[in-house]
C-alpha atoms as a PDB file:
ATOM      1  CA  MET A   1      11.021   2.907 -64.060  1.00  0.00           C
ATOM      2  CA  THR A   2      14.699   2.579 -63.118  1.00  0.00           C
ATOM      3  CA  GLY A   3      16.727   0.197 -65.252  1.00  0.00           C
ATOM      4  CA  ILE A   4      14.349   0.049 -68.226  1.00  0.00           C
ATOM      5  CA  THR A   5      15.496   1.427 -71.543  1.00  0.00           C
ATOM      6  CA  GLU A   6      12.699   2.600 -73.826  1.00  0.00           C
ATOM      7  CA  ARG A   7      13.111   2.260 -77.585  1.00  0.00           C
ATOM      8  CA  PRO A   8      10.354   2.517 -80.151  1.00  0.00           C
ATOM      9  CA  ARG A   9       9.436  -0.700 -81.878  1.00  0.00           C
ATOM     10  CA  PRO A  10      10.140  -0.650 -85.642  1.00  0.00           C
ATOM     11  CA  ARG A  11       6.888  -0.130 -87.532  1.00  0.00           C
ATOM     12  CA  THR A  12       6.955  -3.355 -89.496  1.00  0.00           C
ATOM     13  CA  PRO A  13       3.823  -5.132 -90.811  1.00  0.00           C
ATOM     14  CA  PHE A  14       4.004  -7.397 -87.754  1.00  0.00           C
ATOM     15  CA  ALA A  15       4.084  -4.347 -85.464  1.00  0.00           C
ATOM     16  CA  ARG A  16       0.979  -2.945 -87.127  1.00  0.00           C
ATOM     17  CA  LEU A  17      -0.748  -6.304 -86.798  1.00  0.00           C
ATOM     18  CA  ALA A  18       0.253  -6.449 -83.129  1.00  0.00           C
ATOM     19  CA  ASP A  19      -1.695  -3.220 -82.580  1.00  0.00           C
ATOM     20  CA  ARG A  20      -4.831  -5.239 -83.290  1.00  0.00           C
ATOM     21  CA  VAL A  21      -3.928  -8.880 -82.509  1.00  0.00           C
ATOM     22  CA  THR A  22      -1.735 -10.263 -79.726  1.00  0.00           C
ATOM     23  CA  LEU A  23      -0.736 -13.768 -78.738  1.00  0.00           C
ATOM     24  CA  GLY A  24      -0.129 -15.025 -75.238  1.00  0.00           C
ATOM     25  CA  ALA A  25       2.982 -16.428 -73.626  1.00  0.00           C
ATOM     26  CA  ARG A  26       1.717 -19.974 -74.212  1.00  0.00           C
ATOM     27  CA  ALA A  27       1.784 -19.506 -77.995  1.00  0.00           C
ATOM     28  CA  LEU A  28       5.356 -18.243 -77.694  1.00  0.00           C
ATOM     29  CA  ARG A  29       6.423 -21.185 -75.548  1.00  0.00           C
ATOM     30  CA  TRP A  30       4.868 -23.716 -77.907  1.00  0.00           C
ATOM     31  CA  GLY A  31       6.288 -22.000 -80.999  1.00  0.00           C
ATOM     32  CA  THR A  32       9.835 -21.912 -79.653  1.00  0.00           C
ATOM     33  CA  THR A  33       9.475 -25.510 -78.442  1.00  0.00           C
ATOM     34  CA  ALA A  34       8.357 -26.679 -81.881  1.00  0.00           C
ATOM     35  CA  ALA A  35      11.320 -24.938 -83.525  1.00  0.00           C
ATOM     36  CA  LEU A  36      13.745 -26.482 -81.028  1.00  0.00           C
ATOM     37  CA  VAL A  37      12.358 -30.011 -81.333  1.00  0.00           C
ATOM     38  CA  VAL A  38      12.367 -30.007 -85.136  1.00  0.00           C
ATOM     39  CA  SER A  39      15.874 -28.494 -85.271  1.00  0.00           C
ATOM     40  CA  ILE A  40      17.072 -31.457 -83.172  1.00  0.00           C
ATOM     41  CA  LEU A  41      15.047 -33.921 -85.236  1.00  0.00           C
ATOM     42  CA  ILE A  42      16.537 -32.736 -88.524  1.00  0.00           C
ATOM     43  CA  ILE A  43      20.049 -33.335 -87.138  1.00  0.00           C
ATOM     44  CA  VAL A  44      19.016 -36.880 -86.263  1.00  0.00           C
ATOM     45  CA  THR A  45      17.406 -37.567 -89.644  1.00  0.00           C
ATOM     46  CA  GLY A  46      20.498 -36.160 -91.337  1.00  0.00           C
ATOM     47  CA  GLY A  47      22.410 -38.855 -89.489  1.00  0.00           C
ATOM     48  CA  VAL A  48      19.952 -41.482 -90.740  1.00  0.00           C
ATOM     49  CA  VAL A  49      20.571 -40.272 -94.295  1.00  0.00           C
ATOM     50  CA  ARG A  50      24.317 -40.647 -93.770  1.00  0.00           C
ATOM     51  CA  VAL A  51      24.442 -44.089 -92.141  1.00  0.00           C
ATOM     52  CA  THR A  52      21.992 -45.606 -94.642  1.00  0.00           C
ATOM     53  CA  GLY A  53      24.065 -44.359 -97.580  1.00  0.00           C
ATOM     54  CA  SER A  54      21.177 -42.203 -98.802  1.00  0.00           C
ATOM     55  CA  GLY A  55      23.030 -38.912 -99.203  1.00  0.00           C
ATOM     56  CA  LEU A  56      22.629 -39.081-102.978  1.00  0.00           C
ATOM     57  CA  GLY A  57      19.259 -40.836-102.838  1.00  0.00           C
ATOM     58  CA  CYS A  58      17.939 -37.731-104.595  1.00  0.00           C
ATOM     59  CA  PRO A  59      20.738 -37.176-107.108  1.00  0.00           C
ATOM     60  CA  THR A  60      19.832 -33.557-107.901  1.00  0.00           C
ATOM     61  CA  TRP A  61      18.647 -30.426-106.102  1.00  0.00           C
ATOM     62  CA  PRO A  62      16.237 -28.655-105.599  1.00  0.00           C
ATOM     63  CA  VAL A  63      14.234 -31.399-107.348  1.00  0.00           C
ATOM     64  CA  CYS A  64      14.770 -35.003-106.304  1.00  0.00           C
ATOM     65  CA  GLU A  65      15.698 -36.103-109.816  1.00  0.00           C
ATOM     66  CA  ALA A  66      15.374 -34.607-113.257  1.00  0.00           C
ATOM     67  CA  GLY A  67      11.695 -33.955-113.963  1.00  0.00           C
ATOM     68  CA  SER A  68      10.447 -34.932-110.489  1.00  0.00           C
ATOM     69  CA  LEU A  69      10.280 -32.805-107.362  1.00  0.00           C
ATOM     70  CA  THR A  70       9.550 -35.878-105.240  1.00  0.00           C
ATOM     71  CA  THR A  71      11.210 -39.269-105.014  1.00  0.00           C
ATOM     72  CA  THR A  72      10.239 -41.987-107.483  1.00  0.00           C
ATOM     73  CA  PRO A  73      10.047 -45.786-107.168  1.00  0.00           C
ATOM     74  CA  ALA A  74      13.175 -46.052-109.286  1.00  0.00           C
ATOM     75  CA  LEU A  75      15.172 -44.298-106.555  1.00  0.00           C
ATOM     76  CA  GLY A  76      14.204 -46.958-104.019  1.00  0.00           C
ATOM     77  CA  ILE A  77      14.580 -46.687-100.268  1.00  0.00           C
ATOM     78  CA  HIS A  78      17.529 -44.289-100.505  1.00  0.00           C
ATOM     79  CA  GLY A  79      15.456 -41.801-102.451  1.00  0.00           C
ATOM     80  CA  ALA A  80      12.643 -42.091 -99.907  1.00  0.00           C
ATOM     81  CA  ILE A  81      14.999 -41.476 -96.979  1.00  0.00           C
ATOM     82  CA  GLU A  82      16.700 -38.482 -98.567  1.00  0.00           C
ATOM     83  CA  PHE A  83      13.420 -36.970 -99.758  1.00  0.00           C
ATOM     84  CA  GLY A  84      11.926 -37.491 -96.281  1.00  0.00           C
ATOM     85  CA  ASN A  85      14.767 -35.458 -94.829  1.00  0.00           C
ATOM     86  CA  ARG A  86      14.035 -32.694 -97.329  1.00  0.00           C
ATOM     87  CA  VAL A  87      10.348 -32.752 -96.413  1.00  0.00           C
ATOM     88  CA  LEU A  88      11.301 -32.291 -92.763  1.00  0.00           C
ATOM     89  CA  THR A  89      12.859 -28.974 -93.774  1.00  0.00           C
ATOM     90  CA  SER A  90       9.352 -27.819 -94.702  1.00  0.00           C
ATOM     91  CA  VAL A  91       8.139 -28.820 -91.244  1.00  0.00           C
ATOM     92  CA  LEU A  92      11.048 -26.866 -89.776  1.00  0.00           C
ATOM     93  CA  VAL A  93      10.025 -23.792 -91.780  1.00  0.00           C
ATOM     94  CA  LEU A  94       6.500 -24.040 -90.355  1.00  0.00           C
ATOM     95  CA  ALA A  95       7.815 -24.396 -86.797  1.00  0.00           C
ATOM     96  CA  VAL A  96      10.169 -21.444 -87.182  1.00  0.00           C
ATOM     97  CA  GLY A  97       7.360 -19.420 -88.770  1.00  0.00           C
ATOM     98  CA  TRP A  98       5.192 -20.160 -85.748  1.00  0.00           C
ATOM     99  CA  ALA A  99       7.957 -18.932 -83.428  1.00  0.00           C
ATOM    100  CA  ILE A 100       8.453 -15.762 -85.479  1.00  0.00           C
ATOM    101  CA  VAL A 101       4.753 -14.884 -85.468  1.00  0.00           C
ATOM    102  CA  ALA A 102       4.344 -15.702 -81.772  1.00  0.00           C
ATOM    103  CA  ALA A 103       7.351 -13.556 -80.828  1.00  0.00           C
ATOM    104  CA  ALA A 104       6.168 -10.695 -83.042  1.00  0.00           C
ATOM    105  CA  LEU A 105       2.635 -10.606 -81.640  1.00  0.00           C
ATOM    106  CA  GLN A 106       3.452 -10.589 -77.933  1.00  0.00           C
ATOM    107  CA  ARG A 107       1.822  -7.821 -75.905  1.00  0.00           C
ATOM    108  CA  ARG A 108       5.225  -6.762 -74.644  1.00  0.00           C
ATOM    109  CA  TRP A 109       7.584  -7.347 -77.536  1.00  0.00           C
ATOM    110  CA  GLN A 110      11.233  -8.317 -76.894  1.00  0.00           C
ATOM    111  CA  ARG A 111      13.711  -7.157 -79.478  1.00  0.00           C
ATOM    112  CA  ALA A 112      16.254  -9.895 -78.665  1.00  0.00           C
ATOM    113  CA  LEU A 113      13.657 -12.655 -78.956  1.00  0.00           C
ATOM    114  CA  ALA A 114      12.361 -11.286 -82.255  1.00  0.00           C
ATOM    115  CA  ARG A 115      15.876 -11.223 -83.661  1.00  0.00           C
ATOM    116  CA  LEU A 116      16.540 -14.761 -82.485  1.00  0.00           C
ATOM    117  CA  THR A 117      13.433 -16.124 -84.192  1.00  0.00           C
ATOM    118  CA  TRP A 118      14.146 -14.291 -87.440  1.00  0.00           C
ATOM    119  CA  SER A 119      17.734 -15.567 -87.414  1.00  0.00           C
ATOM    120  CA  GLN A 120      16.263 -19.070 -87.451  1.00  0.00           C
ATOM    121  CA  PHE A 121      14.474 -18.331 -90.716  1.00  0.00           C
ATOM    122  CA  TRP A 122      17.661 -17.166 -92.409  1.00  0.00           C
ATOM    123  CA  LEU A 123      19.669 -20.105 -91.071  1.00  0.00           C
ATOM    124  CA  VAL A 124      17.083 -22.575 -92.400  1.00  0.00           C
ATOM    125  CA  LEU A 125      17.291 -20.873 -95.801  1.00  0.00           C
ATOM    126  CA  VAL A 126      21.090 -20.831 -95.890  1.00  0.00           C
ATOM    127  CA  ASN A 127      21.365 -24.433 -94.721  1.00  0.00           C
ATOM    128  CA  ALA A 128      18.846 -25.613 -97.313  1.00  0.00           C
ATOM    129  CA  VAL A 129      21.136 -24.136 -99.969  1.00  0.00           C
ATOM    130  CA  ALA A 130      24.155 -25.746 -98.276  1.00  0.00           C
ATOM    131  CA  GLY A 131      22.317 -29.070 -98.363  1.00  0.00           C
ATOM    132  CA  GLY A 132      21.740 -28.635-102.077  1.00  0.00           C
ATOM    133  CA  ILE A 133      25.405 -27.837-102.644  1.00  0.00           C
ATOM    134  CA  THR A 134      26.298 -30.957-100.655  1.00  0.00           C
ATOM    135  CA  VAL A 135      24.401 -33.054-103.192  1.00  0.00           C
ATOM    136  CA  LEU A 136      25.826 -31.189-106.190  1.00  0.00           C
ATOM    137  CA  VAL A 137      29.430 -31.712-104.996  1.00  0.00           C
ATOM    138  CA  LYS A 138      28.740 -35.413-104.354  1.00  0.00           C
ATOM    139  CA  LEU A 139      29.021 -35.313-100.552  1.00  0.00           C
ATOM    140  CA  ASN A 140      32.352 -33.547-100.317  1.00  0.00           C
ATOM    141  CA  PRO A 141      33.177 -34.021 -96.592  1.00  0.00           C
ATOM    142  CA  TYR A 142      34.090 -30.368 -96.040  1.00  0.00           C
ATOM    143  CA  VAL A 143      30.757 -29.203 -97.425  1.00  0.00           C
ATOM    144  CA  VAL A 144      28.988 -31.894 -95.391  1.00  0.00           C
ATOM    145  CA  ALA A 145      30.757 -30.556 -92.292  1.00  0.00           C
ATOM    146  CA  LEU A 146      29.589 -27.021 -93.113  1.00  0.00           C
ATOM    147  CA  HIS A 147      26.035 -28.323 -93.567  1.00  0.00           C
ATOM    148  CA  PHE A 148      26.208 -29.943 -90.127  1.00  0.00           C
ATOM    149  CA  LEU A 149      27.676 -26.870 -88.421  1.00  0.00           C
ATOM    150  CA  LEU A 150      24.929 -24.701 -89.904  1.00  0.00           C
ATOM    151  CA  ALA A 151      22.412 -27.129 -88.420  1.00  0.00           C
ATOM    152  CA  PHE A 152      24.075 -26.589 -85.041  1.00  0.00           C
ATOM    153  CA  ALA A 153      23.975 -22.821 -85.575  1.00  0.00           C
ATOM    154  CA  LEU A 154      20.222 -23.180 -86.040  1.00  0.00           C
ATOM    155  CA  LEU A 155      20.062 -25.348 -82.922  1.00  0.00           C
ATOM    156  CA  THR A 156      21.861 -22.559 -81.062  1.00  0.00           C
ATOM    157  CA  THR A 157      19.275 -19.940 -81.993  1.00  0.00           C
ATOM    158  CA  THR A 158      16.301 -22.226 -81.334  1.00  0.00           C
ATOM    159  CA  THR A 159      17.735 -23.091 -77.910  1.00  0.00           C
ATOM    160  CA  LEU A 160      18.361 -19.444 -77.049  1.00  0.00           C
ATOM    161  CA  ALA A 161      14.835 -18.480 -78.084  1.00  0.00           C
ATOM    162  CA  TRP A 162      13.291 -21.445 -76.239  1.00  0.00           C
ATOM    163  CA  HIS A 163      15.199 -20.604 -73.065  1.00  0.00           C
ATOM    164  CA  ARG A 164      14.416 -16.899 -73.392  1.00  0.00           C
ATOM    165  CA  ALA A 165      10.699 -17.608 -73.699  1.00  0.00           C
ATOM    166  CA  ARG A 166      10.847 -19.446 -70.355  1.00  0.00           C
ATOM    167  CA  GLN A 167      13.527 -17.501 -68.537  1.00  0.00           C
ATOM    168  CA  SER A 168      12.621 -16.664 -64.968  1.00  0.00           C
ATOM    169  CA  ALA A 169      12.879 -13.036 -63.946  1.00  0.00           C
ATOM    170  CA  ALA A 170      14.283 -14.352 -60.670  1.00  0.00           C
ATOM    171  CA  ALA A 171      17.385 -15.804 -62.348  1.00  0.00           C
ATOM    172  CA  LYS A 172      20.536 -14.298 -60.869  1.00  0.00           C
ATOM    173  CA  ALA A 173      24.000 -13.933 -62.316  1.00  0.00           C
ATOM    174  CA  VAL A 174      26.751 -15.910 -60.599  1.00  0.00           C
ATOM    175  CA  THR A 175      30.236 -14.807 -59.617  1.00  0.00           C
ATOM    176  CA  PRO A 176      32.782 -13.868 -62.287  1.00  0.00           C
ATOM    177  CA  ARG A 177      34.661 -17.112 -61.587  1.00  0.00           C
ATOM    178  CA  SER A 178      31.656 -19.293 -62.390  1.00  0.00           C
ATOM    179  CA  GLY A 179      30.841 -17.097 -65.367  1.00  0.00           C
ATOM    180  CA  ALA A 180      34.338 -17.583 -66.776  1.00  0.00           C
ATOM    181  CA  ILE A 181      34.159 -21.354 -66.302  1.00  0.00           C
ATOM    182  CA  ALA A 182      30.785 -21.401 -68.075  1.00  0.00           C
ATOM    183  CA  TRP A 183      32.259 -19.550 -71.057  1.00  0.00           C
ATOM    184  CA  ALA A 184      35.223 -21.955 -71.106  1.00  0.00           C
ATOM    185  CA  LEU A 185      32.775 -24.866 -71.057  1.00  0.00           C
ATOM    186  CA  ALA A 186      30.857 -23.413 -74.007  1.00  0.00           C
ATOM    187  CA  ALA A 187      34.076 -22.850 -75.977  1.00  0.00           C
ATOM    188  CA  ALA A 188      35.298 -26.392 -75.277  1.00  0.00           C
ATOM    189  CA  ALA A 189      31.933 -27.825 -76.310  1.00  0.00           C
ATOM    190  CA  ALA A 190      32.078 -25.852 -79.566  1.00  0.00           C
ATOM    191  CA  VAL A 191      35.531 -27.323 -80.294  1.00  0.00           C
ATOM    192  CA  LEU A 192      34.123 -30.771 -79.494  1.00  0.00           C
ATOM    193  CA  VAL A 193      31.352 -30.309 -82.065  1.00  0.00           C
ATOM    194  CA  VAL A 194      33.778 -29.149 -84.756  1.00  0.00           C
ATOM    195  CA  LEU A 195      36.099 -32.087 -84.093  1.00  0.00           C
ATOM    196  CA  GLY A 196      33.087 -34.369 -84.393  1.00  0.00           C
ATOM    197  CA  THR A 197      32.583 -33.216 -87.971  1.00  0.00           C
ATOM    198  CA  VAL A 198      36.212 -34.079 -88.745  1.00  0.00           C
ATOM    199  CA  VAL A 199      35.765 -37.541 -87.229  1.00  0.00           C
ATOM    200  CA  THR A 200      32.702 -38.014 -89.432  1.00  0.00           C
ATOM    201  CA  GLY A 201      34.495 -36.735 -92.519  1.00  0.00           C
ATOM    202  CA  ALA A 202      37.338 -39.191 -92.012  1.00  0.00           C
ATOM    203  CA  GLY A 203      35.178 -42.080 -90.807  1.00  0.00           C
ATOM    204  CA  PRO A 204      33.491 -45.041 -92.461  1.00  0.00           C
ATOM    205  CA  HIS A 205      30.056 -43.510 -93.106  1.00  0.00           C
ATOM    206  CA  SER A 206      30.483 -41.425 -96.245  1.00  0.00           C
ATOM    207  CA  GLY A 207      26.760 -41.011 -96.877  1.00  0.00           C
ATOM    208  CA  ASP A 208      26.636 -43.066-100.065  1.00  0.00           C
ATOM    209  CA  SER A 209      27.524 -46.577-101.178  1.00  0.00           C
ATOM    210  CA  ALA A 210      29.635 -45.241-104.053  1.00  0.00           C
ATOM    211  CA  GLU A 211      33.209 -44.033-103.647  1.00  0.00           C
ATOM    212  CA  VAL A 212      33.092 -40.654-101.878  1.00  0.00           C
ATOM    213  CA  HIS A 213      36.031 -38.382-101.125  1.00  0.00           C
ATOM    214  CA  ARG A 214      37.036 -38.480 -97.433  1.00  0.00           C
ATOM    215  CA  ILE A 215      39.155 -36.192 -95.251  1.00  0.00           C
ATOM    216  CA  GLY A 216      42.670 -37.559 -95.586  1.00  0.00           C
ATOM    217  CA  ILE A 217      43.657 -38.035 -91.948  1.00  0.00           C
ATOM    218  CA  SER A 218      43.778 -41.026 -89.638  1.00  0.00           C
ATOM    219  CA  TRP A 219      40.299 -41.715 -88.310  1.00  0.00           C
ATOM    220  CA  THR A 220      41.746 -43.383 -85.221  1.00  0.00           C
ATOM    221  CA  ALA A 221      43.941 -40.383 -84.409  1.00  0.00           C
ATOM    222  CA  ILE A 222      41.192 -37.797 -84.831  1.00  0.00           C
ATOM    223  CA  ALA A 223      38.770 -39.968 -82.840  1.00  0.00           C
ATOM    224  CA  VAL A 224      41.277 -39.965 -79.950  1.00  0.00           C
ATOM    225  CA  VAL A 225      41.558 -36.169 -80.172  1.00  0.00           C
ATOM    226  CA  HIS A 226      37.769 -35.908 -80.218  1.00  0.00           C
ATOM    227  CA  GLY A 227      37.502 -38.161 -77.171  1.00  0.00           C
ATOM    228  CA  SER A 228      40.142 -36.143 -75.341  1.00  0.00           C
ATOM    229  CA  SER A 229      38.213 -32.942 -75.998  1.00  0.00           C
ATOM    230  CA  ALA A 230      35.123 -34.621 -74.569  1.00  0.00           C
ATOM    231  CA  VAL A 231      37.078 -35.326 -71.369  1.00  0.00           C
ATOM    232  CA  VAL A 232      37.961 -31.617 -71.182  1.00  0.00           C
ATOM    233  CA  VAL A 233      34.268 -30.711 -71.473  1.00  0.00           C
ATOM    234  CA  ILE A 234      33.326 -33.178 -68.728  1.00  0.00           C
ATOM    235  CA  VAL A 235      36.057 -31.873 -66.406  1.00  0.00           C
ATOM    236  CA  LEU A 236      34.997 -28.256 -66.951  1.00  0.00           C
ATOM    237  CA  ALA A 237      31.364 -29.159 -66.263  1.00  0.00           C
ATOM    238  CA  ALA A 238      32.364 -30.921 -63.033  1.00  0.00           C
ATOM    239  CA  VAL A 239      34.489 -27.959 -61.902  1.00  0.00           C
ATOM    240  CA  LEU A 240      31.624 -25.587 -62.685  1.00  0.00           C
ATOM    241  CA  LEU A 241      29.201 -27.719 -60.683  1.00  0.00           C
ATOM    242  CA  LEU A 242      31.449 -27.606 -57.616  1.00  0.00           C
ATOM    243  CA  GLN A 243      31.855 -23.839 -57.943  1.00  0.00           C
ATOM    244  CA  LEU A 244      28.117 -23.248 -58.329  1.00  0.00           C
ATOM    245  CA  ARG A 245      27.368 -25.349 -55.274  1.00  0.00           C
ATOM    246  CA  ARG A 246      29.811 -23.255 -53.251  1.00  0.00           C
ATOM    247  CA  GLU A 247      27.972 -20.138 -54.395  1.00  0.00           C
ATOM    248  CA  GLY A 248      24.524 -21.568 -53.667  1.00  0.00           C
ATOM    249  CA  ALA A 249      23.407 -21.127 -57.300  1.00  0.00           C
ATOM    250  CA  ALA A 250      20.839 -23.924 -57.151  1.00  0.00           C
ATOM    251  CA  LEU A 251      19.213 -23.494 -60.580  1.00  0.00           C
ATOM    252  CA  ALA A 252      22.483 -23.360 -62.513  1.00  0.00           C
ATOM    253  CA  ALA A 253      23.870 -26.270 -60.457  1.00  0.00           C
ATOM    254  CA  ARG A 254      20.860 -28.444 -61.321  1.00  0.00           C
ATOM    255  CA  ARG A 255      21.335 -27.602 -64.990  1.00  0.00           C
ATOM    256  CA  VAL A 256      25.000 -28.641 -64.883  1.00  0.00           C
ATOM    257  CA  THR A 257      24.079 -31.883 -63.113  1.00  0.00           C
ATOM    258  CA  VAL A 258      21.714 -32.782 -65.964  1.00  0.00           C
ATOM    259  CA  LEU A 259      24.402 -31.828 -68.478  1.00  0.00           C
ATOM    260  CA  LEU A 260      26.919 -34.121 -66.788  1.00  0.00           C
ATOM    261  CA  ALA A 261      24.458 -37.014 -66.987  1.00  0.00           C
ATOM    262  CA  VAL A 262      23.993 -36.437 -70.718  1.00  0.00           C
ATOM    263  CA  LEU A 263      27.758 -36.135 -71.207  1.00  0.00           C
ATOM    264  CA  ALA A 264      28.315 -39.422 -69.385  1.00  0.00           C
ATOM    265  CA  ALA A 265      25.770 -41.216 -71.574  1.00  0.00           C
ATOM    266  CA  GLN A 266      27.302 -39.646 -74.680  1.00  0.00           C
ATOM    267  CA  ALA A 267      30.776 -40.798 -73.623  1.00  0.00           C
ATOM    268  CA  VAL A 268      29.547 -44.376 -73.194  1.00  0.00           C
ATOM    269  CA  VAL A 269      27.986 -44.324 -76.671  1.00  0.00           C
ATOM    270  CA  GLY A 270      31.212 -42.947 -78.153  1.00  0.00           C
ATOM    271  CA  ILE A 271      33.343 -45.646 -76.534  1.00  0.00           C
ATOM    272  CA  VAL A 272      30.989 -48.421 -77.657  1.00  0.00           C
ATOM    273  CA  GLN A 273      31.074 -46.984 -81.186  1.00  0.00           C
ATOM    274  CA  ALA A 274      34.847 -47.088 -81.259  1.00  0.00           C
ATOM    275  CA  VAL A 275      35.133 -50.714 -80.091  1.00  0.00           C
ATOM    276  CA  THR A 276      32.286 -52.071 -82.237  1.00  0.00           C
ATOM    277  CA  GLY A 277      33.266 -50.595 -85.598  1.00  0.00           C
ATOM    278  CA  VAL A 278      30.972 -47.540 -85.586  1.00  0.00           C
ATOM    279  CA  PRO A 279      27.580 -49.190 -86.278  1.00  0.00           C
ATOM    280  CA  GLY A 280      25.074 -46.893 -87.950  1.00  0.00           C
ATOM    281  CA  GLY A 281      22.471 -47.046 -85.191  1.00  0.00           C
ATOM    282  CA  LEU A 282      24.941 -45.800 -82.598  1.00  0.00           C
ATOM    283  CA  VAL A 283      26.004 -42.970 -84.923  1.00  0.00           C
ATOM    284  CA  VAL A 284      22.416 -41.699 -84.971  1.00  0.00           C
ATOM    285  CA  ILE A 285      22.166 -41.988 -81.165  1.00  0.00           C
ATOM    286  CA  HIS A 286      25.488 -40.156 -80.842  1.00  0.00           C
ATOM    287  CA  LEU A 287      24.171 -37.329 -83.022  1.00  0.00           C
ATOM    288  CA  LEU A 288      21.103 -37.022 -80.820  1.00  0.00           C
ATOM    289  CA  GLY A 289      23.399 -36.943 -77.790  1.00  0.00           C
ATOM    290  CA  ALA A 290      25.554 -34.256 -79.398  1.00  0.00           C
ATOM    291  CA  ALA A 291      22.498 -32.080 -79.960  1.00  0.00           C
ATOM    292  CA  LEU A 292      21.342 -32.561 -76.361  1.00  0.00           C
ATOM    293  CA  VAL A 293      24.819 -31.784 -75.019  1.00  0.00           C
ATOM    294  CA  TRP A 294      24.921 -28.533 -76.974  1.00  0.00           C
ATOM    295  CA  VAL A 295      21.457 -27.558 -75.751  1.00  0.00           C
ATOM    296  CA  GLY A 296      22.565 -28.303 -72.199  1.00  0.00           C
ATOM    297  CA  VAL A 297      25.749 -26.257 -72.522  1.00  0.00           C
ATOM    298  CA  LEU A 298      23.826 -23.272 -73.851  1.00  0.00           C
ATOM    299  CA  ARG A 299      21.285 -23.462 -71.026  1.00  0.00           C
ATOM    300  CA  VAL A 300      24.102 -23.546 -68.473  1.00  0.00           C
ATOM    301  CA  LEU A 301      25.635 -20.479 -70.110  1.00  0.00           C
ATOM    302  CA  LEU A 302      22.312 -18.637 -70.024  1.00  0.00           C
ATOM    303  CA  ASP A 303      21.625 -19.627 -66.418  1.00  0.00           C
ATOM    304  CA  THR A 304      25.010 -18.261 -65.370  1.00  0.00           C
ATOM    305  CA  HIS A 305      24.569 -15.122 -67.501  1.00  0.00           C
ATOM    306  CA  PRO A 306      20.806 -14.382 -67.329  1.00  0.00           C
ATOM    307  CA  ALA A 307      21.201 -10.898 -68.799  1.00  0.00           C
ATOM    308  CA  LEU A 308      23.138 -12.124 -71.838  1.00  0.00           C
ATOM    309  CA  PHE A 309      20.256 -11.131 -74.115  1.00  0.00           C
ATOM    310  CA  GLY A 310      18.646  -8.614 -71.765  1.00  0.00           C
ATOM    311  CA  ARG A 311      17.057  -9.510 -68.465  1.00  0.00           C
ATOM    312  CA  VAL A 312      13.399 -10.510 -68.399  1.00  0.00           C
ATOM    313  CA  ILE A 313      11.182  -8.007 -66.582  1.00  0.00           C
ATOM    314  CA  PRO A 314       8.233  -9.337 -64.547  1.00  0.00           C
ATOM    315  CA  LEU A 315       5.035  -7.956 -66.063  1.00  0.00           C
ATOM    316  CA  ARG A 316       3.929  -6.754 -62.635  1.00  0.00           C
ATOM    317  CA  ASP A 317       6.950  -4.415 -62.569  1.00  0.00           C
ATOM    318  CA  VAL A 318       6.157  -2.792 -65.922  1.00  0.00           C
ATOM    319  CA  PRO A 319       3.677   0.078 -65.668  1.00  0.00           C
ATOM    320  CA  ALA A 320       0.504  -0.125 -67.728  1.00  0.00           C
ATOM    321  CA  GLY A 321       0.929   1.597 -71.057  1.00  0.00           C
ATOM    322  CA  HIS A 322       4.730   1.271 -70.938  1.00  0.00           C
ATOM    323  CA  PRO A 323       6.395   0.815 -74.366  1.00  0.00           C
ATOM    324  CA  ILE A 324       6.544  -2.904 -75.058  1.00  0.00           C
ATOM    325  CA  ASP A 325      10.261  -3.024 -75.902  1.00  0.00           C
ATOM    326  CA  ALA A 326      11.426  -3.113 -72.283  1.00  0.00           C
ATOM    327  CA  VAL A 327      14.729  -4.666 -71.257  1.00  0.00           C
ATOM    328  CA  VAL A 328      17.163  -4.240 -68.418  1.00  0.00           C
ATOM    329  CA  ARG A 329      20.540  -2.878 -69.456  1.00  0.00           C
END
């Protein structure tokens, strides 16, 4: 069949199991959804840990305190909150495991999707270690920022896998102009996320009630820079929407419209935070908004570049008995 590159699937234990057992597309969709939802949830609960001053609620790692894997009554509510966040990592491992197995046991296996799901496993592992280091260095803001960015790296892979599992074979690439704007939007959003970690590191919520080292810059100044970068993201999204409408790219245009709505809500939350002294509840909402913005940006990028990880082939177009690693080049 023209346009399909055939490559043998590596003979891993999963490949041998797939010779006997396969899972349907529904299992894949649910597995990637679970991984995405929990990867967002753990960002939110990390924010709860920070704003409640529970970052050192479990003073050691990997156990909660010396001699106890779990929290104890002596650690109080802060220990419960921090330990709850650690428990959620176990739920995340289960969700990612589900996605890995579902991707591995598809009748027509996709190399890109398998790699995306396995990358989630390694990112969870690395970020768990980073979380432990965060505790051991007493919430050093630079390590906390790394911990957060690794969580967003995980969110990136879970979003890519989730989108890939649902990607329509009918999706069409847009013009180079729209494609370039979409890449610029993604780059600006990435800068926005990084600046957000600096705002947090310099801001009032250190993650613990004790004296914690902060990034030594003006919080007001960096918050203004962060807000300005958000304006750049909004402008790029608006320009992209106009360009997509000119091209008649309905699906991508709808995705950008949703993204703009989320960006507008996120901007309102950010402004209210700034004028009300950064209350903890709004910080958590802002973190949820940041995660949703990033998911939206990635979906826009994938809708404007549908072959970014190999184009999906309709099953009806793949001959019976064709090797299951089939992608358009």
